[in-house]
Amino acid sequence: MKRILFITFLFLSTSMFAQPYPNLTLDSIVVVSSNDTVYVWDYNAWEQCAFALAYTVEISDSIITILQIDTAAEGTTCYWYHNFVVPVVGLGEGNYRIDIFRDCLYEDIKFIKSFWFGYPISSIDDYIVQPNQFILFNAYPNPFNPTTIISYSIPKYGFVDLAVYNSLGQLVETLVSKNQSEGKYIVEFNADKFSSGIYFYSLHFQDLVETKKILLTISNISLFRREGIIYICNHLDKIKKDVLDVYNGTGVQEVLNMAVFEFLKYIAIFPAGANKLADSKGNVLPDCFLLPPGSTALDFAYFLHTDFGKNFVKAIDARTKKALGKSYVLKHRDALEIVTK
């Protein structure tokens, strides 16, 4: 659900509001609440002296986007610190991310801050955004299909490299490769040309490196549901003859199997120790995980636990006792033990 609120607020002074945190650093963000309203304070915004604030507030599910707009008739040559406050109303209980942008005279729209907070807020001290540091934030959403937002911050001017790798460590896309100024940045990663699976996004800044994991889940389930409804409406008699009479029931399990294994092409993989996974006759025990086609032994290790993926040594086929490498492409009903360091 998306809601957009546009309000013009001529900013002359914030003395009408109680200022809980004076003397904060440049563009320090403080979130406070009163009754059913959340107030997003932006302290020490360094802008031209005649800056007149208008703003838009867009709420889309758990994402709140605030655009600060300078509506002054003309700019000045002097600059000064401003304190801006934007009210946000109508929030339900939950976690929200706020993205703040600013549209200034004679400048392109620039990104200011991004942060998460929980509502309702328990105290005035809950959420203060600290000065910029080297941080790679968690991608949102994750898992995703097919786009996700990656945010990061750097403490000073320097060369930034932000790239995405597959589970084999191969580069699949470079998102940023250039010099950037101190601040926080947001980048969208569109994976519509990639297959489902585990990927890693890595941020390099000078001698600092941080890497996080994301899961791409491409699914055609909505198409399957739509076609299923049409089929049911047009073939009720055939359904009775071919399904209800044949299976003595609804055939729900058969439909689920068809959706998962024939339409989505998922594969069933059985984990745990090689001696525990199959009995003496080779019958596989019932523990099972569903993975997208093309997944590897290393993908499966990460799927079970991040530590298994990081410390992966090999996989062992529970039936043949054969050792398998990290690039081994999984087959339907494979039974694997993951061996780690």
Protein backbone atom coordinates (compact mmCIF):
# COMPACT_ATOMS: atom_id res chain seq x y z
CA MET A 1 0.00 0.00 0.00
CA LYS A 2 1.38 3.41 -1.00
CA ARG A 3 0.39 6.78 0.45
CA ILE A 4 1.85 10.16 -0.54
CA LEU A 5 1.56 13.28 1.62
CA PHE A 6 2.69 16.68 0.26
CA ILE A 7 3.03 19.54 2.71
CA THR A 8 4.63 22.96 2.35
CA PHE A 9 6.33 24.14 5.51
CA LEU A 10 8.07 27.54 5.33
CA PHE A 11 11.10 27.01 7.53
CA LEU A 12 12.05 30.07 9.52
CA SER A 13 12.70 28.58 12.96
CA THR A 14 12.02 25.41 14.93
CA SER A 15 11.65 27.29 18.20
CA MET A 16 7.96 26.32 18.21
CA PHE A 17 9.09 22.74 18.93
CA ALA A 18 11.01 21.50 21.93
CA GLN A 19 14.48 20.62 20.58
CA PRO A 20 15.66 17.53 22.48
CA TYR A 21 19.18 17.28 21.02
CA PRO A 22 20.93 20.62 20.36
CA ASN A 23 24.51 20.83 19.05
CA LEU A 24 24.50 17.56 17.10
CA THR A 25 26.79 16.92 14.14
CA LEU A 26 26.00 17.68 10.50
CA ASP A 27 22.65 16.21 9.40
CA SER A 28 22.08 14.28 12.62
CA ILE A 29 18.70 12.56 12.50
CA VAL A 30 16.54 12.14 15.61
CA VAL A 31 13.18 10.36 15.60
CA VAL A 32 10.67 11.13 18.35
CA SER A 33 6.93 10.55 18.70
CA SER A 34 3.97 12.33 20.26
CA ASN A 35 0.54 10.73 20.34
CA ASP A 36 0.07 9.17 16.88
CA THR A 37 2.66 11.34 15.10
CA VAL A 38 6.32 10.56 14.45
CA TYR A 39 8.60 13.60 14.11
CA VAL A 40 11.75 13.18 12.02
CA TRP A 41 14.28 15.85 13.03
CA ASP A 42 17.18 16.74 10.77
CA TYR A 43 19.70 18.80 12.77
CA ASN A 44 22.46 21.00 11.31
CA ALA A 45 21.59 20.78 7.63
CA TRP A 46 24.21 22.91 5.87
CA GLU A 47 22.26 24.80 3.19
CA GLN A 48 21.87 28.30 1.74
CA CYS A 49 20.63 30.90 4.25
CA ALA A 50 17.24 31.53 2.59
CA PHE A 51 16.32 27.83 2.46
CA ALA A 52 12.51 27.51 2.67
CA LEU A 53 11.37 23.97 3.41
CA ALA A 54 8.60 22.04 1.73
CA TYR A 55 8.50 18.27 1.80
CA THR A 56 6.79 15.18 0.52
CA VAL A 57 6.25 12.05 2.60
CA GLU A 58 5.65 8.79 0.75
CA ILE A 59 4.77 5.64 2.69
CA SER A 60 4.96 2.36 0.80
CA ASP A 61 4.55 -0.67 3.07
CA SER A 62 7.52 -0.43 5.50
CA ILE A 63 9.47 2.23 3.51
CA ILE A 64 9.04 5.94 4.31
CA THR A 65 10.60 8.31 1.77
CA ILE A 66 11.00 11.97 2.75
CA LEU A 67 11.99 14.54 0.12
CA GLN A 68 13.04 17.93 1.54
CA ILE A 69 12.49 20.68 -1.05
CA ASP A 70 13.91 24.23 -1.11
CA THR A 71 11.05 26.48 -2.27
CA ALA A 72 12.87 29.80 -1.86
CA ALA A 73 12.26 32.21 -4.75
CA GLU A 74 16.01 32.55 -5.19
CA GLY A 75 19.16 31.44 -3.45
CA THR A 76 21.71 33.40 -1.46
CA THR A 77 25.49 33.31 -1.46
CA CYS A 78 25.69 32.54 2.25
CA TYR A 79 25.25 29.15 3.90
CA TRP A 80 24.14 28.28 7.43
CA TYR A 81 22.96 25.39 9.62
CA HIS A 82 19.23 24.65 9.57
CA ASN A 83 17.07 22.35 11.69
CA PHE A 84 14.23 20.68 9.79
CA VAL A 85 11.34 18.68 11.22
CA VAL A 86 8.91 16.53 9.23
CA PRO A 87 5.83 14.89 10.82
CA VAL A 88 4.76 11.41 9.72
CA VAL A 89 1.28 10.19 10.64
CA GLY A 90 -0.75 7.04 10.18
CA LEU A 91 1.90 4.45 11.03
CA GLY A 92 0.88 1.06 12.37
CA GLU A 93 2.97 -1.00 14.76
CA GLY A 94 6.08 -2.44 13.09
CA ASN A 95 9.56 -1.71 11.74
CA TYR A 96 10.09 1.06 9.19
CA ARG A 97 12.97 2.36 7.08
CA ILE A 98 13.23 6.09 6.43
CA ASP A 99 15.09 7.35 3.35
CA ILE A 100 15.74 11.12 3.33
CA PHE A 101 16.56 13.09 0.16
CA ARG A 102 16.99 16.85 -0.40
CA ASP A 103 16.16 18.91 -3.50
CA CYS A 104 18.10 22.18 -3.31
CA LEU A 105 18.21 25.21 -5.60
CA TYR A 106 20.81 24.85 -8.37
CA GLU A 107 21.65 21.27 -7.27
CA ASP A 108 20.56 17.75 -8.16
CA ILE A 109 18.51 15.79 -5.63
CA LYS A 110 20.93 14.31 -3.10
CA PHE A 111 20.64 11.46 -0.61
CA ILE A 112 20.93 12.46 3.07
CA LYS A 113 20.30 9.51 5.40
CA SER A 114 18.72 6.07 5.61
CA PHE A 115 17.88 4.21 8.81
CA TRP A 116 15.43 1.79 10.45
CA PHE A 117 13.28 2.33 13.51
CA GLY A 118 10.51 0.50 15.31
CA TYR A 119 7.10 2.02 16.02
CA PRO A 120 5.81 2.77 18.59
CA ILE A 121 8.97 4.43 19.94
CA SER A 122 9.60 3.66 23.61
CA SER A 123 11.73 6.69 24.50
CA ILE A 124 13.11 9.91 23.06
CA ASP A 125 16.64 8.50 23.03
CA ASP A 126 15.85 5.52 20.80
CA TYR A 127 17.02 6.58 17.37
CA ILE A 128 19.90 8.96 16.71
CA VAL A 129 21.85 8.53 13.49
CA GLN A 130 25.57 8.83 14.20
CA PRO A 131 28.17 10.49 11.94
CA ASN A 132 29.07 8.62 8.76
CA GLN A 133 31.14 5.47 9.17
CA PHE A 134 32.17 2.60 6.89
CA ILE A 135 28.97 0.52 6.98
CA LEU A 136 27.37 -1.91 4.56
CA PHE A 137 23.71 -2.20 5.52
CA ASN A 138 21.50 -5.25 5.10
CA ALA A 139 19.81 -5.34 1.70
CA TYR A 140 16.06 -4.87 1.68
CA PRO A 141 14.05 -6.85 0.80
CA ASN A 142 15.97 -10.10 1.33
CA PRO A 143 15.03 -12.63 -0.04
CA PHE A 144 14.08 -10.59 -3.12
CA ASN A 145 12.53 -10.94 -6.59
CA PRO A 146 13.93 -9.40 -8.72
CA THR A 147 15.15 -6.12 -7.16
CA THR A 148 16.61 -5.18 -3.79
CA ILE A 149 18.04 -1.99 -2.28
CA ILE A 150 21.64 -1.92 -1.02
CA SER A 151 22.67 0.96 1.27
CA TYR A 152 26.13 1.88 2.53
CA SER A 153 28.04 4.76 4.07
CA ILE A 154 31.67 5.91 3.85
CA PRO A 155 33.48 8.20 6.33
CA LYS A 156 35.38 10.36 3.82
CA TYR A 157 36.11 10.95 0.14
CA GLY A 158 37.62 7.97 -1.65
CA PHE A 159 37.26 5.23 -4.25
CA VAL A 160 34.26 2.93 -3.75
CA ASP A 161 33.70 -0.47 -5.33
CA LEU A 162 30.36 -2.22 -4.76
CA ALA A 163 29.91 -5.50 -6.61
CA VAL A 164 27.74 -8.63 -6.60
CA TYR A 165 29.15 -12.17 -6.79
CA ASN A 166 27.58 -15.60 -7.21
CA SER A 167 28.10 -18.47 -4.79
CA LEU A 168 31.29 -19.50 -6.65
CA GLY A 169 32.85 -16.10 -6.06
CA GLN A 170 32.44 -15.02 -9.69
CA LEU A 171 31.66 -11.36 -10.38
CA VAL A 172 28.16 -11.00 -11.85
CA GLU A 173 27.63 -7.23 -11.69
CA THR A 174 29.49 -4.08 -10.61
CA LEU A 175 27.09 -1.58 -9.03
CA VAL A 176 29.54 1.21 -8.09
CA SER A 177 33.13 1.82 -9.17
CA LYS A 178 34.10 5.46 -8.67
CA ASN A 179 35.24 8.11 -6.19
CA GLN A 180 32.53 9.32 -3.80
CA SER A 181 32.28 11.91 -1.05
CA GLU A 182 31.55 11.19 2.60
CA GLY A 183 27.95 10.15 3.16
CA LYS A 184 25.33 7.45 2.78
CA TYR A 185 24.26 6.00 -0.57
CA ILE A 186 21.46 3.77 -1.90
CA VAL A 187 21.84 1.49 -4.93
CA GLU A 188 19.21 -0.73 -6.54
CA PHE A 189 20.31 -4.20 -7.68
CA ASN A 190 18.08 -5.64 -10.43
CA ALA A 191 18.63 -9.40 -10.82
CA ASP A 192 15.96 -10.14 -13.44
CA LYS A 193 18.61 -11.63 -15.74
CA PHE A 194 19.99 -13.98 -13.08
CA SER A 195 18.77 -17.35 -11.84
CA SER A 196 17.51 -18.04 -8.32
CA GLY A 197 20.15 -18.69 -5.69
CA ILE A 198 22.52 -17.18 -3.16
CA TYR A 199 24.56 -14.10 -4.06
CA PHE A 200 26.99 -11.89 -2.16
CA TYR A 201 27.39 -8.11 -2.34
CA SER A 202 30.74 -6.70 -1.29
CA LEU A 203 31.78 -3.13 -0.47
CA HIS A 204 35.45 -2.10 -0.88
CA PHE A 205 36.66 1.30 0.39
CA GLN A 206 40.42 1.87 0.62
CA ASP A 207 41.66 -1.07 2.76
CA LEU A 208 38.20 -1.80 4.22
CA VAL A 209 35.99 -4.64 2.95
CA GLU A 210 32.57 -5.90 4.05
CA THR A 211 30.43 -8.61 2.43
CA LYS A 212 26.82 -9.68 2.98
CA LYS A 213 24.54 -12.39 1.58
CA ILE A 214 21.30 -12.04 -0.40
CA LEU A 215 18.89 -14.67 -1.72
CA LEU A 216 17.22 -14.31 -5.13
CA THR A 217 13.96 -16.24 -5.44
CA ILE A 218 12.52 -16.07 -8.96
CA SER A 219 9.03 -17.58 -8.89
CA ASN A 220 6.22 -18.13 -11.38
CA ILE A 221 3.75 -19.16 -8.71
CA SER A 222 1.34 -16.29 -9.49
CA LEU A 223 1.11 -17.41 -13.09
CA PHE A 224 0.48 -20.98 -11.94
CA ARG A 225 -2.31 -19.87 -9.62
CA ARG A 226 -3.98 -17.82 -12.35
CA GLU A 227 -3.90 -20.69 -14.82
CA GLY A 228 -5.14 -23.07 -12.12
CA ILE A 229 -8.19 -20.94 -11.37
CA ILE A 230 -9.09 -20.75 -15.06
CA TYR A 231 -8.70 -24.52 -15.39
CA ILE A 232 -10.93 -25.19 -12.37
CA CYS A 233 -13.68 -22.90 -13.65
CA ASN A 234 -13.71 -24.50 -17.09
CA HIS A 235 -13.21 -28.17 -16.17
CA LEU A 236 -15.24 -28.99 -13.05
CA ASP A 237 -16.61 -32.23 -14.51
CA LYS A 238 -13.17 -33.27 -15.72
CA ILE A 239 -11.70 -32.50 -12.29
CA LYS A 240 -14.21 -34.85 -10.66
CA LYS A 241 -13.44 -37.64 -13.12
CA ASP A 242 -9.65 -37.22 -13.36
CA VAL A 243 -8.87 -36.08 -9.80
CA LEU A 244 -11.53 -36.75 -7.17
CA ASP A 245 -12.49 -40.19 -8.49
CA VAL A 246 -8.88 -41.21 -9.17
CA TYR A 247 -7.35 -40.06 -5.88
CA ASN A 248 -10.43 -40.44 -3.67
CA GLY A 249 -9.96 -36.85 -2.60
CA THR A 250 -8.94 -33.39 -3.72
CA GLY A 251 -5.51 -34.33 -5.03
CA VAL A 252 -4.00 -31.33 -3.19
CA GLN A 253 -0.70 -33.12 -2.64
CA GLU A 254 -0.43 -33.94 -6.34
CA VAL A 255 -1.15 -30.28 -7.21
CA LEU A 256 1.54 -29.12 -4.76
CA ASN A 257 4.04 -31.57 -6.23
CA MET A 258 3.23 -30.32 -9.72
CA ALA A 259 3.60 -26.67 -8.67
CA VAL A 260 6.91 -27.18 -6.88
CA PHE A 261 8.64 -29.78 -9.05
CA GLU A 262 7.16 -29.37 -12.54
CA PHE A 263 6.38 -25.66 -12.75
CA LEU A 264 9.00 -24.14 -10.42
CA LYS A 265 11.52 -26.92 -11.15
CA TYR A 266 12.65 -26.98 -7.52
CA ILE A 267 14.73 -29.92 -6.32
CA ALA A 268 14.48 -31.80 -3.02
CA ILE A 269 17.79 -32.18 -1.14
CA PHE A 270 18.22 -34.29 1.99
CA PRO A 271 20.79 -33.09 4.59
CA ALA A 272 22.59 -34.43 7.71
CA GLY A 273 25.30 -37.02 8.27
CA ALA A 274 26.01 -39.66 5.64
CA ASN A 275 25.39 -42.52 8.10
CA LYS A 276 22.15 -41.01 9.38
CA LEU A 277 20.63 -39.92 6.10
CA ALA A 278 19.91 -43.34 4.54
CA ASP A 279 19.11 -46.69 6.11
CA SER A 280 20.85 -49.99 5.31
CA LYS A 281 18.56 -50.53 2.30
CA GLY A 282 19.28 -47.09 0.88
CA ASN A 283 15.92 -45.60 1.89
CA VAL A 284 16.27 -41.85 2.44
CA LEU A 285 15.06 -40.42 5.73
CA PRO A 286 12.39 -37.69 5.54
CA ASP A 287 14.37 -34.50 6.32
CA CYS A 288 14.23 -32.37 3.18
CA PHE A 289 14.97 -28.90 1.79
CA LEU A 290 13.73 -27.35 -1.47
CA LEU A 291 16.30 -25.45 -3.55
CA PRO A 292 16.02 -23.72 -6.93
CA PRO A 293 17.45 -25.46 -10.00
CA GLY A 294 21.15 -24.91 -10.62
CA SER A 295 22.01 -24.76 -6.91
CA THR A 296 25.43 -26.10 -5.96
CA ALA A 297 26.80 -27.99 -2.98
CA LEU A 298 28.15 -24.69 -1.65
CA ASP A 299 24.69 -23.07 -2.04
CA PHE A 300 23.24 -25.93 0.00
CA ALA A 301 25.87 -25.45 2.71
CA TYR A 302 25.00 -21.73 3.00
CA PHE A 303 21.30 -22.61 2.95
CA LEU A 304 21.80 -24.84 6.00
CA HIS A 305 23.94 -22.32 7.90
CA THR A 306 26.26 -19.43 7.03
CA ASP A 307 29.10 -21.04 8.99
CA PHE A 308 28.75 -24.23 6.90
CA GLY A 309 29.21 -22.15 3.74
CA LYS A 310 32.16 -20.15 5.05
CA ASN A 311 33.98 -23.26 6.30
CA PHE A 312 32.97 -25.59 3.47
CA VAL A 313 35.49 -28.35 2.68
CA LYS A 314 33.46 -30.85 0.68
CA ALA A 315 30.12 -32.62 0.42
CA ILE A 316 29.60 -36.38 0.64
CA ASP A 317 26.92 -38.25 -1.28
CA ALA A 318 25.06 -40.26 1.40
CA ARG A 319 24.27 -43.08 -1.01
CA THR A 320 27.57 -43.52 -2.87
CA LYS A 321 29.87 -42.01 -0.18
CA LYS A 322 31.53 -40.06 -3.01
CA ALA A 323 33.20 -36.72 -2.17
CA LEU A 324 31.80 -33.72 -4.05
CA GLY A 325 33.29 -30.23 -4.57
CA LYS A 326 31.63 -26.89 -3.93
CA SER A 327 30.68 -26.39 -7.61
CA TYR A 328 28.82 -29.71 -7.83
CA VAL A 329 25.36 -29.00 -9.29
CA LEU A 330 22.68 -30.60 -7.12
CA LYS A 331 20.25 -33.16 -8.53
CA HIS A 332 16.71 -33.87 -7.39
CA ARG A 333 16.67 -36.12 -4.28
CA ASP A 334 20.42 -35.82 -3.67
CA ALA A 335 21.38 -36.75 -0.10
CA LEU A 336 24.43 -34.83 1.12
CA GLU A 337 26.57 -34.49 4.20
CA ILE A 338 28.43 -31.17 4.45
CA VAL A 339 31.98 -31.42 5.77
CA THR A 340 33.46 -28.23 7.25
CA LYS A 341 36.82 -27.13 8.62
